C-alpha atoms as a PDB file:
ATOM      1  CA  MET A   1     -18.368  54.495  -9.385  1.00  0.00           C
ATOM      2  CA  THR A   2     -20.103  54.646 -12.938  1.00  0.00           C
ATOM      3  CA  PHE A   3     -23.204  52.314 -12.003  1.00  0.00           C
ATOM      4  CA  ASN A   4     -23.219  54.534  -9.158  1.00  0.00           C
ATOM      5  CA  VAL A   5     -24.129  57.195 -10.989  1.00  0.00           C
ATOM      6  CA  LEU A   6     -26.186  55.280 -12.896  1.00  0.00           C
ATOM      7  CA  PHE A   7     -28.154  53.920  -9.933  1.00  0.00           C
ATOM      8  CA  LEU A   8     -28.738  57.331  -8.519  1.00  0.00           C
ATOM      9  CA  TYR A   9     -29.771  58.404 -11.843  1.00  0.00           C
ATOM     10  CA  SER A  10     -32.329  56.102 -11.921  1.00  0.00           C
ATOM     11  CA  LEU A  11     -33.515  56.315  -8.746  1.00  0.00           C
ATOM     12  CA  ASN A  12     -34.070  60.211  -9.099  1.00  0.00           C
ATOM     13  CA  HIS A  13     -35.881  60.002 -12.532  1.00  0.00           C
ATOM     14  CA  PHE A  14     -37.848  56.592 -11.844  1.00  0.00           C
ATOM     15  CA  LEU A  15     -38.018  55.596  -8.429  1.00  0.00           C
ATOM     16  CA  PHE A  16     -39.160  58.083  -5.789  1.00  0.00           C
ATOM     17  CA  PRO A  17     -36.972  61.587  -6.116  1.00  0.00           C
ATOM     18  CA  LYS A  18     -37.928  63.478  -3.262  1.00  0.00           C
ATOM     19  CA  VAL A  19     -36.146  60.838  -1.420  1.00  0.00           C
ATOM     20  CA  ILE A  20     -32.642  61.140  -2.664  1.00  0.00           C
ATOM     21  CA  TYR A  21     -32.317  64.755  -1.698  1.00  0.00           C
ATOM     22  CA  SER A  22     -33.001  64.297   1.446  1.00  0.00           C
ATOM     23  CA  ASN A  23     -30.217  64.611   4.258  1.00  0.00           C
ATOM     24  CA  TYR A  24     -30.892  61.380   5.522  1.00  0.00           C
ATOM     25  CA  PHE A  25     -30.440  58.988   2.983  1.00  0.00           C
ATOM     26  CA  LEU A  26     -27.408  61.004   1.476  1.00  0.00           C
ATOM     27  CA  LYS A  27     -25.748  61.058   4.649  1.00  0.00           C
ATOM     28  CA  GLU A  28     -26.399  57.061   5.285  1.00  0.00           C
ATOM     29  CA  TYR A  29     -25.713  56.660   1.276  1.00  0.00           C
ATOM     30  CA  PHE A  30     -22.418  58.311   2.063  1.00  0.00           C
ATOM     31  CA  LEU A  31     -21.424  56.914   5.097  1.00  0.00           C
ATOM     32  CA  GLY A  32     -22.220  53.299   3.481  1.00  0.00           C
ATOM     33  CA  ILE A  33     -19.468  53.898   0.816  1.00  0.00           C
ATOM     34  CA  LEU A  34     -17.032  55.341   3.590  1.00  0.00           C
ATOM     35  CA  LEU A  35     -17.409  52.306   5.644  1.00  0.00           C
ATOM     36  CA  VAL A  36     -17.391  49.311   3.055  1.00  0.00           C
ATOM     37  CA  VAL A  37     -13.780  51.496   1.298  1.00  0.00           C
ATOM     38  CA  ILE A  38     -12.419  51.496   5.464  1.00  0.00           C
ATOM     39  CA  VAL A  39     -13.353  47.482   5.993  1.00  0.00           C
ATOM     40  CA  PHE A  40     -11.524  47.125   2.354  1.00  0.00           C
ATOM     41  CA  GLU A  41      -8.483  48.997   3.263  1.00  0.00           C
ATOM     42  CA  MET A  42      -8.345  47.441   6.406  1.00  0.00           C
ATOM     43  CA  ILE A  43      -8.165  43.786   4.682  1.00  0.00           C
ATOM     44  CA  SER A  44      -5.805  44.706   2.019  1.00  0.00           C
ATOM     45  CA  PHE A  45      -3.269  46.005   4.416  1.00  0.00           C
ATOM     46  CA  LEU A  46      -3.534  43.466   6.452  1.00  0.00           C
ATOM     47  CA  ILE A  47      -3.011  40.855   3.517  1.00  0.00           C
ATOM     48  CA  VAL A  48       0.002  42.892   2.698  1.00  0.00           C
ATOM     49  CA  LEU A  49       0.668  43.190   6.659  1.00  0.00           C
ATOM     50  CA  SER A  50       0.776  39.232   6.392  1.00  0.00           C
ATOM     51  CA  LEU A  51       2.660  38.956   3.381  1.00  0.00           C
ATOM     52  CA  TYR A  52       5.646  41.191   4.677  1.00  0.00           C
ATOM     53  CA  LEU A  53       6.007  39.230   7.692  1.00  0.00           C
ATOM     54  CA  ASN A  54       6.051  35.882   6.242  1.00  0.00           C
ATOM     55  CA  ILE A  55       8.761  37.205   3.899  1.00  0.00           C
ATOM     56  CA  ILE A  56      10.894  38.759   7.660  1.00  0.00           C
ATOM     57  CA  ARG A  57      10.317  35.121   9.683  1.00  0.00           C
ATOM     58  CA  TYR A  58      11.768  33.217   6.358  1.00  0.00           C
ATOM     59  CA  PHE A  59      14.860  35.406   6.403  1.00  0.00           C
ATOM     60  CA  ILE A  60      14.985  35.293  10.111  1.00  0.00           C
ATOM     61  CA  VAL A  61      14.251  31.273  10.547  1.00  0.00           C
ATOM     62  CA  LYS A  62      17.021  31.051   7.799  1.00  0.00           C
END
């Protein structure tokens, strides 16, 4: 999160200050963050689900 704030601050002051306030940039930036969060949440959910299924299978087979 700190990196995101510093990145946006540097873009705002040094590179292109008008682009950062455009609706297109903000929409794409937050949609990208949302997509990354959803993908990582799904991966972690699948990992935990597979662990639970292996534990259940271990006790059923045993």
